[in-house]
Amino acid sequence: DMPVADFKRGDVVVFVSAGDEHSTGGEVVDIRKDT
């Protein structure tokens, strides 16, 4: 559900849960057609 073309490997991201709480962070390791 996002424009994958705007991402590259190594991009740093954070995860947010339903309560607008940060779960943890992560790093992009692979980019596919739509995920």
PDB file of all heavy atoms in Angstrom:
ATOM      1  N   ASP A   1       0.822  -1.218   0.000  1.00  0.00           N
ATOM      2  CA  ASP A   1       0.000   0.000   0.000  1.00  0.00           C
ATOM      3  C   ASP A   1       0.851   1.261   0.000  1.00  0.00           C
ATOM      4  O   ASP A   1       0.562   2.224   0.722  1.00  0.00           O
ATOM      5  CB  ASP A   1      -0.964   0.041   1.194  1.00  0.00           C
ATOM      6  CG  ASP A   1      -1.959  -1.092   1.184  1.00  0.00           C
ATOM      7  OD1 ASP A   1      -2.260  -1.598   0.087  1.00  0.00           O
ATOM      8  OD2 ASP A   1      -2.427  -1.471   2.260  1.00  0.00           O
ATOM      9  N   MET A   2       1.925   1.250  -0.796  1.00  0.00           N
ATOM     10  CA  MET A   2       2.776   2.429  -0.872  1.00  0.00           C
ATOM     11  C   MET A   2       3.554   2.427  -2.184  1.00  0.00           C
ATOM     12  O   MET A   2       3.673   1.391  -2.821  1.00  0.00           O
ATOM     13  CB  MET A   2       3.729   2.477   0.310  1.00  0.00           C
ATOM     14  CG  MET A   2       4.703   1.338   0.365  1.00  0.00           C
ATOM     15  SD  MET A   2       5.727   1.316   1.837  1.00  0.00           S
ATOM     16  CE  MET A   2       5.836   2.968   2.324  1.00  0.00           C
ATOM     17  N   PRO A   3       4.063   3.596  -2.583  1.00  0.00           N
ATOM     18  CA  PRO A   3       4.842   3.667  -3.826  1.00  0.00           C
ATOM     19  C   PRO A   3       6.250   3.092  -3.617  1.00  0.00           C
ATOM     20  O   PRO A   3       7.137   3.757  -3.083  1.00  0.00           O
ATOM     21  CB  PRO A   3       4.897   5.165  -4.132  1.00  0.00           C
ATOM     22  CG  PRO A   3       4.741   5.823  -2.799  1.00  0.00           C
ATOM     23  CD  PRO A   3       3.878   4.905  -1.974  1.00  0.00           C
ATOM     24  N   VAL A   4       6.461   1.851  -4.022  1.00  0.00           N
ATOM     25  CA  VAL A   4       7.737   1.190  -3.769  1.00  0.00           C
ATOM     26  C   VAL A   4       8.895   1.837  -4.539  1.00  0.00           C
ATOM     27  O   VAL A   4      10.045   1.725  -4.123  1.00  0.00           O
ATOM     28  CB  VAL A   4       7.661  -0.321  -4.083  1.00  0.00           C
ATOM     29  CG1 VAL A   4       6.655  -0.999  -3.179  1.00  0.00           C
ATOM     30  CG2 VAL A   4       7.340  -0.576  -5.537  1.00  0.00           C
ATOM     31  N   ALA A   5       8.600   2.531  -5.608  1.00  0.00           N
ATOM     32  CA  ALA A   5       9.654   3.171  -6.399  1.00  0.00           C
ATOM     33  C   ALA A   5      10.377   4.262  -5.614  1.00  0.00           C
ATOM     34  O   ALA A   5      11.507   4.626  -5.957  1.00  0.00           O
ATOM     35  CB  ALA A   5       9.065   3.753  -7.679  1.00  0.00           C
ATOM     36  N   ASP A   6       9.753   4.769  -4.552  1.00  0.00           N
ATOM     37  CA  ASP A   6      10.360   5.831  -3.745  1.00  0.00           C
ATOM     38  C   ASP A   6      11.343   5.295  -2.707  1.00  0.00           C
ATOM     39  O   ASP A   6      11.915   6.071  -1.947  1.00  0.00           O
ATOM     40  CB  ASP A   6       9.269   6.632  -3.020  1.00  0.00           C
ATOM     41  CG  ASP A   6       8.378   7.398  -3.990  1.00  0.00           C
ATOM     42  OD1 ASP A   6       8.770   7.554  -5.162  1.00  0.00           O
ATOM     43  OD2 ASP A   6       7.290   7.815  -3.567  1.00  0.00           O
ATOM     44  N   PHE A   7      11.540   3.973  -2.655  1.00  0.00           N
ATOM     45  CA  PHE A   7      12.389   3.361  -1.638  1.00  0.00           C
ATOM     46  C   PHE A   7      13.625   2.735  -2.261  1.00  0.00           C
ATOM     47  O   PHE A   7      13.643   2.371  -3.429  1.00  0.00           O
ATOM     48  CB  PHE A   7      11.608   2.284  -0.869  1.00  0.00           C
ATOM     49  CG  PHE A   7      10.632   2.859   0.084  1.00  0.00           C
ATOM     50  CD1 PHE A   7       9.389   3.284  -0.352  1.00  0.00           C
ATOM     51  CD2 PHE A   7      10.941   2.992   1.421  1.00  0.00           C
ATOM     52  CE1 PHE A   7       8.474   3.830   0.526  1.00  0.00           C
ATOM     53  CE2 PHE A   7      10.027   3.540   2.307  1.00  0.00           C
ATOM     54  CZ  PHE A   7       8.794   3.966   1.857  1.00  0.00           C
ATOM     55  N   LYS A   8      14.659   2.613  -1.418  1.00  0.00           N
ATOM     56  CA  LYS A   8      15.865   1.906  -1.823  1.00  0.00           C
ATOM     57  C   LYS A   8      16.345   1.070  -0.649  1.00  0.00           C
ATOM     58  O   LYS A   8      15.973   1.327   0.516  1.00  0.00           O
ATOM     59  CB  LYS A   8      16.946   2.867  -2.293  1.00  0.00           C
ATOM     60  CG  LYS A   8      17.468   3.817  -1.245  1.00  0.00           C
ATOM     61  CD  LYS A   8      18.474   4.782  -1.839  1.00  0.00           C
ATOM     62  CE  LYS A   8      19.082   5.719  -0.851  1.00  0.00           C
ATOM     63  NZ  LYS A   8      18.268   6.284   0.159  1.00  0.00           N
ATOM     64  N   ARG A   9      17.148   0.061  -0.937  1.00  0.00           N
ATOM     65  CA  ARG A   9      17.698  -0.772   0.140  1.00  0.00           C
ATOM     66  C   ARG A   9      18.501   0.106   1.098  1.00  0.00           C
ATOM     67  O   ARG A   9      19.196   1.018   0.676  1.00  0.00           O
ATOM     68  CB  ARG A   9      18.590  -1.852  -0.437  1.00  0.00           C
ATOM     69  CG  ARG A   9      17.813  -2.919  -1.116  1.00  0.00           C
ATOM     70  CD  ARG A   9      18.706  -4.042  -1.553  1.00  0.00           C
ATOM     71  NE  ARG A   9      17.873  -5.102  -2.095  1.00  0.00           N
ATOM     72  CZ  ARG A   9      18.259  -5.938  -3.012  1.00  0.00           C
ATOM     73  NH1 ARG A   9      19.476  -5.864  -3.505  1.00  0.00           N
ATOM     74  NH2 ARG A   9      17.440  -6.867  -3.442  1.00  0.00           N
ATOM     75  N   GLY A  10      18.350  -0.193   2.370  1.00  0.00           N
ATOM     76  CA  GLY A  10      19.064   0.564   3.393  1.00  0.00           C
ATOM     77  C   GLY A  10      18.261   1.698   3.994  1.00  0.00           C
ATOM     78  O   GLY A  10      18.672   2.271   5.004  1.00  0.00           O
ATOM     79  N   ASP A  11      17.110   2.037   3.396  1.00  0.00           N
ATOM     80  CA  ASP A  11      16.274   3.083   3.987  1.00  0.00           C
ATOM     81  C   ASP A  11      15.839   2.665   5.389  1.00  0.00           C
ATOM     82  O   ASP A  11      15.494   1.513   5.630  1.00  0.00           O
ATOM     83  CB  ASP A  11      15.020   3.338   3.135  1.00  0.00           C
ATOM     84  CG  ASP A  11      15.298   4.179   1.910  1.00  0.00           C
ATOM     85  OD1 ASP A  11      16.373   4.799   1.831  1.00  0.00           O
ATOM     86  OD2 ASP A  11      14.427   4.211   1.017  1.00  0.00           O
ATOM     87  N   VAL A  12      15.862   3.627   6.298  1.00  0.00           N
ATOM     88  CA  VAL A  12      15.466   3.377   7.686  1.00  0.00           C
ATOM     89  C   VAL A  12      13.999   3.757   7.852  1.00  0.00           C
ATOM     90  O   VAL A  12      13.564   4.812   7.386  1.00  0.00           O
ATOM     91  CB  VAL A  12      16.359   4.184   8.655  1.00  0.00           C
ATOM     92  CG1 VAL A  12      15.890   4.024  10.094  1.00  0.00           C
ATOM     93  CG2 VAL A  12      17.810   3.758   8.511  1.00  0.00           C
ATOM     94  N   VAL A  13      13.257   2.894   8.539  1.00  0.00           N
ATOM     95  CA  VAL A  13      11.822   3.106   8.743  1.00  0.00           C
ATOM     96  C   VAL A  13      11.476   2.836  10.205  1.00  0.00           C
ATOM     97  O   VAL A  13      12.279   2.257  10.946  1.00  0.00           O
ATOM     98  CB  VAL A  13      10.990   2.176   7.826  1.00  0.00           C
ATOM     99  CG1 VAL A  13      11.275   2.452   6.367  1.00  0.00           C
ATOM    100  CG2 VAL A  13      11.247   0.721   8.154  1.00  0.00           C
ATOM    101  N   VAL A  14      10.279   3.259  10.603  1.00  0.00           N
ATOM    102  CA  VAL A  14       9.748   2.927  11.925  1.00  0.00           C
ATOM    103  C   VAL A  14       8.367   2.313  11.738  1.00  0.00           C
ATOM    104  O   VAL A  14       7.695   2.549  10.736  1.00  0.00           O
ATOM    105  CB  VAL A  14       9.653   4.159  12.870  1.00  0.00           C
ATOM    106  CG1 VAL A  14      11.025   4.690  13.186  1.00  0.00           C
ATOM    107  CG2 VAL A  14       8.777   5.230  12.284  1.00  0.00           C
ATOM    108  N   PHE A  15       7.960   1.537  12.710  1.00  0.00           N
ATOM    109  CA  PHE A  15       6.641   0.912  12.689  1.00  0.00           C
ATOM    110  C   PHE A  15       5.782   1.551  13.756  1.00  0.00           C
ATOM    111  O   PHE A  15       6.244   1.829  14.863  1.00  0.00           O
ATOM    112  CB  PHE A  15       6.753  -0.595  12.912  1.00  0.00           C
ATOM    113  CG  PHE A  15       7.493  -1.282  11.803  1.00  0.00           C
ATOM    114  CD1 PHE A  15       8.840  -1.537  11.908  1.00  0.00           C
ATOM    115  CD2 PHE A  15       6.838  -1.638  10.639  1.00  0.00           C
ATOM    116  CE1 PHE A  15       9.539  -2.147  10.881  1.00  0.00           C
ATOM    117  CE2 PHE A  15       7.525  -2.236   9.604  1.00  0.00           C
ATOM    118  CZ  PHE A  15       8.877  -2.501   9.721  1.00  0.00           C
ATOM    119  N   VAL A  16       4.526   1.782  13.424  1.00  0.00           N
ATOM    120  CA  VAL A  16       3.584   2.439  14.328  1.00  0.00           C
ATOM    121  C   VAL A  16       2.356   1.546  14.442  1.00  0.00           C
ATOM    122  O   VAL A  16       1.819   1.082  13.434  1.00  0.00           O
ATOM    123  CB  VAL A  16       3.188   3.840  13.792  1.00  0.00           C
ATOM    124  CG1 VAL A  16       2.210   4.511  14.732  1.00  0.00           C
ATOM    125  CG2 VAL A  16       4.418   4.703  13.581  1.00  0.00           C
ATOM    126  N   SER A  17       1.916   1.318  15.677  1.00  0.00           N
ATOM    127  CA  SER A  17       0.741   0.475  15.907  1.00  0.00           C
ATOM    128  C   SER A  17      -0.525   1.315  15.943  1.00  0.00           C
ATOM    129  O   SER A  17      -0.482   2.538  15.800  1.00  0.00           O
ATOM    130  CB  SER A  17       0.912  -0.295  17.212  1.00  0.00           C
ATOM    131  OG  SER A  17       0.916   0.593  18.293  1.00  0.00           O
ATOM    132  N   ALA A  18      -1.647   0.663  16.182  1.00  0.00           N
ATOM    133  CA  ALA A  18      -2.954   1.323  16.169  1.00  0.00           C
ATOM    134  C   ALA A  18      -3.044   2.461  17.175  1.00  0.00           C
ATOM    135  O   ALA A  18      -3.723   3.438  16.941  1.00  0.00           O
ATOM    136  CB  ALA A  18      -4.066   0.307  16.434  1.00  0.00           C
ATOM    137  N   GLY A  19      -2.353   2.363  18.300  1.00  0.00           N
ATOM    138  CA  GLY A  19      -2.396   3.414  19.314  1.00  0.00           C
ATOM    139  C   GLY A  19      -1.389   4.514  19.049  1.00  0.00           C
ATOM    140  O   GLY A  19      -1.068   5.268  19.945  1.00  0.00           O
ATOM    141  N   ASP A  20      -0.871   4.610  17.832  1.00  0.00           N
ATOM    142  CA  ASP A  20       0.148   5.592  17.452  1.00  0.00           C
ATOM    143  C   ASP A  20       1.399   5.416  18.316  1.00  0.00           C
ATOM    144  O   ASP A  20       2.077   6.352  18.654  1.00  0.00           O
ATOM    145  CB  ASP A  20      -0.396   7.019  17.557  1.00  0.00           C
ATOM    146  CG  ASP A  20       0.489   8.030  16.819  1.00  0.00           C
ATOM    147  OD1 ASP A  20       1.211   7.625  15.890  1.00  0.00           O
ATOM    148  OD2 ASP A  20       0.473   9.213  17.188  1.00  0.00           O
ATOM    149  N   GLU A  21       1.658   4.169  18.688  1.00  0.00           N
ATOM    150  CA  GLU A  21       2.838   3.853  19.478  1.00  0.00           C
ATOM    151  C   GLU A  21       3.902   3.287  18.546  1.00  0.00           C
ATOM    152  O   GLU A  21       3.596   2.532  17.643  1.00  0.00           O
ATOM    153  CB  GLU A  21       2.498   2.809  20.541  1.00  0.00           C
ATOM    154  CG  GLU A  21       1.422   3.255  21.496  1.00  0.00           C
ATOM    155  CD  GLU A  21       0.896   2.098  22.328  1.00  0.00           C
ATOM    156  OE1 GLU A  21       1.336   0.961  22.137  1.00  0.00           O
ATOM    157  OE2 GLU A  21       0.036   2.359  23.165  1.00  0.00           O
ATOM    158  N   HIS A  22       5.145   3.637  18.797  1.00  0.00           N
ATOM    159  CA  HIS A  22       6.223   3.090  17.991  1.00  0.00           C
ATOM    160  C   HIS A  22       6.512   1.670  18.446  1.00  0.00           C
ATOM    161  O   HIS A  22       6.698   1.426  19.626  1.00  0.00           O
ATOM    162  CB  HIS A  22       7.486   3.953  18.114  1.00  0.00           C
ATOM    163  CG  HIS A  22       7.318   5.302  17.499  1.00  0.00           C
ATOM    164  ND1 HIS A  22       7.500   5.519  16.162  1.00  0.00           N
ATOM    165  CD2 HIS A  22       6.941   6.475  18.020  1.00  0.00           C
ATOM    166  CE1 HIS A  22       7.261   6.794  15.893  1.00  0.00           C
ATOM    167  NE2 HIS A  22       6.910   7.400  17.017  1.00  0.00           N
ATOM    168  N   SER A  23       6.505   0.746  17.503  1.00  0.00           N
ATOM    169  CA  SER A  23       6.836  -0.630  17.845  1.00  0.00           C
ATOM    170  C   SER A  23       8.343  -0.778  17.878  1.00  0.00           C
ATOM    171  O   SER A  23       8.921  -1.067  18.906  1.00  0.00           O
ATOM    172  CB  SER A  23       6.284  -1.626  16.844  1.00  0.00           C
ATOM    173  OG  SER A  23       5.047  -1.271  16.375  1.00  0.00           O
ATOM    174  N   THR A  24       8.966  -0.583  16.755  1.00  0.00           N
ATOM    175  CA  THR A  24      10.410  -0.688  16.622  1.00  0.00           C
ATOM    176  C   THR A  24      10.792  -0.086  15.280  1.00  0.00           C
ATOM    177  O   THR A  24       9.924   0.369  14.538  1.00  0.00           O
ATOM    178  CB  THR A  24      10.871  -2.159  16.760  1.00  0.00           C
ATOM    179  OG1 THR A  24      12.291  -2.204  16.783  1.00  0.00           O
ATOM    180  CG2 THR A  24      10.363  -3.021  15.631  1.00  0.00           C
ATOM    181  N   GLY A  25      12.041  -0.090  14.966  1.00  0.00           N
ATOM    182  CA  GLY A  25      12.501   0.420  13.674  1.00  0.00           C
ATOM    183  C   GLY A  25      12.963  -0.719  12.795  1.00  0.00           C
ATOM    184  O   GLY A  25      12.947  -1.881  13.194  1.00  0.00           O
ATOM    185  N   GLY A  26      13.398  -0.374  11.583  1.00  0.00           N
ATOM    186  CA  GLY A  26      13.875  -1.397  10.678  1.00  0.00           C
ATOM    187  C   GLY A  26      14.601  -0.795   9.492  1.00  0.00           C
ATOM    188  O   GLY A  26      14.715   0.430   9.369  1.00  0.00           O
ATOM    189  N   GLU A  27      15.063  -1.681   8.622  1.00  0.00           N
ATOM    190  CA  GLU A  27      15.812  -1.275   7.435  1.00  0.00           C
ATOM    191  C   GLU A  27      15.289  -2.047   6.230  1.00  0.00           C
ATOM    192  O   GLU A  27      15.087  -3.265   6.294  1.00  0.00           O
ATOM    193  CB  GLU A  27      17.294  -1.591   7.656  1.00  0.00           C
ATOM    194  CG  GLU A  27      18.177  -1.194   6.504  1.00  0.00           C
ATOM    195  CD  GLU A  27      19.639  -1.495   6.795  1.00  0.00           C
ATOM    196  OE1 GLU A  27      20.053  -1.437   7.964  1.00  0.00           O
ATOM    197  OE2 GLU A  27      20.358  -1.797   5.837  1.00  0.00           O
ATOM    198  N   VAL A  28      15.088  -1.337   5.126  1.00  0.00           N
ATOM    199  CA  VAL A  28      14.617  -1.960   3.893  1.00  0.00           C
ATOM    200  C   VAL A  28      15.710  -2.896   3.376  1.00  0.00           C
ATOM    201  O   VAL A  28      16.860  -2.491   3.221  1.00  0.00           O
ATOM    202  CB  VAL A  28      14.269  -0.891   2.831  1.00  0.00           C
ATOM    203  CG1 VAL A  28      13.907  -1.551   1.498  1.00  0.00           C
ATOM    204  CG2 VAL A  28      13.131   0.001   3.319  1.00  0.00           C
ATOM    205  N   VAL A  29      15.350  -4.171   3.133  1.00  0.00           N
ATOM    206  CA  VAL A  29      16.322  -5.142   2.638  1.00  0.00           C
ATOM    207  C   VAL A  29      15.999  -5.644   1.240  1.00  0.00           C
ATOM    208  O   VAL A  29      16.860  -6.216   0.573  1.00  0.00           O
ATOM    209  CB  VAL A  29      16.480  -6.343   3.602  1.00  0.00           C
ATOM    210  CG1 VAL A  29      17.079  -5.900   4.918  1.00  0.00           C
ATOM    211  CG2 VAL A  29      15.173  -7.067   3.814  1.00  0.00           C
ATOM    212  N   ASP A  30      14.762  -5.430   0.777  1.00  0.00           N
ATOM    213  CA  ASP A  30      14.395  -5.885  -0.561  1.00  0.00           C
ATOM    214  C   ASP A  30      13.197  -5.086  -1.054  1.00  0.00           C
ATOM    215  O   ASP A  30      12.343  -4.672  -0.261  1.00  0.00           O
ATOM    216  CB  ASP A  30      14.052  -7.374  -0.554  1.00  0.00           C
ATOM    217  CG  ASP A  30      13.994  -7.973  -1.955  1.00  0.00           C
ATOM    218  OD1 ASP A  30      14.610  -7.407  -2.887  1.00  0.00           O
ATOM    219  OD2 ASP A  30      13.337  -9.021  -2.121  1.00  0.00           O
ATOM    220  N   ILE A  31      13.160  -4.873  -2.352  1.00  0.00           N
ATOM    221  CA  ILE A  31      12.054  -4.138  -2.966  1.00  0.00           C
ATOM    222  C   ILE A  31      11.527  -4.982  -4.116  1.00  0.00           C
ATOM    223  O   ILE A  31      12.288  -5.386  -5.002  1.00  0.00           O
ATOM    224  CB  ILE A  31      12.525  -2.762  -3.467  1.00  0.00           C
ATOM    225  CG1 ILE A  31      13.094  -1.960  -2.285  1.00  0.00           C
ATOM    226  CG2 ILE A  31      11.377  -2.012  -4.143  1.00  0.00           C
ATOM    227  CD1 ILE A  31      13.880  -0.744  -2.697  1.00  0.00           C
ATOM    228  N   ARG A  32      10.250  -5.254  -4.097  1.00  0.00           N
ATOM    229  CA  ARG A  32       9.595  -6.048  -5.136  1.00  0.00           C
ATOM    230  C   ARG A  32       8.656  -5.152  -5.925  1.00  0.00           C
ATOM    231  O   ARG A  32       8.573  -3.954  -5.689  1.00  0.00           O
ATOM    232  CB  ARG A  32       8.802  -7.203  -4.499  1.00  0.00           C
ATOM    233  CG  ARG A  32       9.610  -8.114  -3.624  1.00  0.00           C
ATOM    234  CD  ARG A  32      10.291  -9.147  -4.442  1.00  0.00           C
ATOM    235  NE  ARG A  32      11.207  -9.934  -3.615  1.00  0.00           N
ATOM    236  CZ  ARG A  32      11.429 -11.188  -3.814  1.00  0.00           C
ATOM    237  NH1 ARG A  32      10.804 -11.814  -4.782  1.00  0.00           N
ATOM    238  NH2 ARG A  32      12.294 -11.824  -3.058  1.00  0.00           N
ATOM    239  N   LYS A  33       7.909  -5.764  -6.804  1.00  0.00           N
ATOM    240  CA  LYS A  33       6.987  -5.031  -7.672  1.00  0.00           C
ATOM    241  C   LYS A  33       5.991  -4.171  -6.887  1.00  0.00           C
ATOM    242  O   LYS A  33       5.765  -3.012  -7.224  1.00  0.00           O
ATOM    243  CB  LYS A  33       6.243  -6.042  -8.552  1.00  0.00           C
ATOM    244  CG  LYS A  33       5.259  -5.453  -9.489  1.00  0.00           C
ATOM    245  CD  LYS A  33       4.621  -6.560 -10.313  1.00  0.00           C
ATOM    246  CE  LYS A  33       3.293  -6.120 -10.833  1.00  0.00           C
ATOM    247  NZ  LYS A  33       2.587  -7.188 -11.523  1.00  0.00           N
ATOM    248  N   ASP A  34       5.409  -4.753  -5.839  1.00  0.00           N
ATOM    249  CA  ASP A  34       4.406  -3.999  -5.075  1.00  0.00           C
ATOM    250  C   ASP A  34       4.565  -4.112  -3.563  1.00  0.00           C
ATOM    251  O   ASP A  34       3.680  -3.736  -2.809  1.00  0.00           O
ATOM    252  CB  ASP A  34       2.997  -4.416  -5.489  1.00  0.00           C
ATOM    253  CG  ASP A  34       2.752  -5.908  -5.314  1.00  0.00           C
ATOM    254  OD1 ASP A  34       3.698  -6.638  -4.955  1.00  0.00           O
ATOM    255  OD2 ASP A  34       1.611  -6.353  -5.543  1.00  0.00           O
ATOM    256  N   THR A  35       5.697  -4.675  -3.115  1.00  0.00           N
ATOM    257  CA  THR A  35       5.949  -4.771  -1.674  1.00  0.00           C
ATOM    258  C   THR A  35       7.407  -4.440  -1.354  1.00  0.00           C
ATOM    259  O   THR A  35       8.274  -4.521  -2.215  1.00  0.00           O
ATOM    260  CB  THR A  35       5.664  -6.183  -1.117  1.00  0.00           C
ATOM    261  OG1 THR A  35       6.499  -7.128  -1.779  1.00  0.00           O
ATOM    262  CG2 THR A  35       4.201  -6.559  -1.246  1.00  0.00           C
TER     263      THR A  35
END
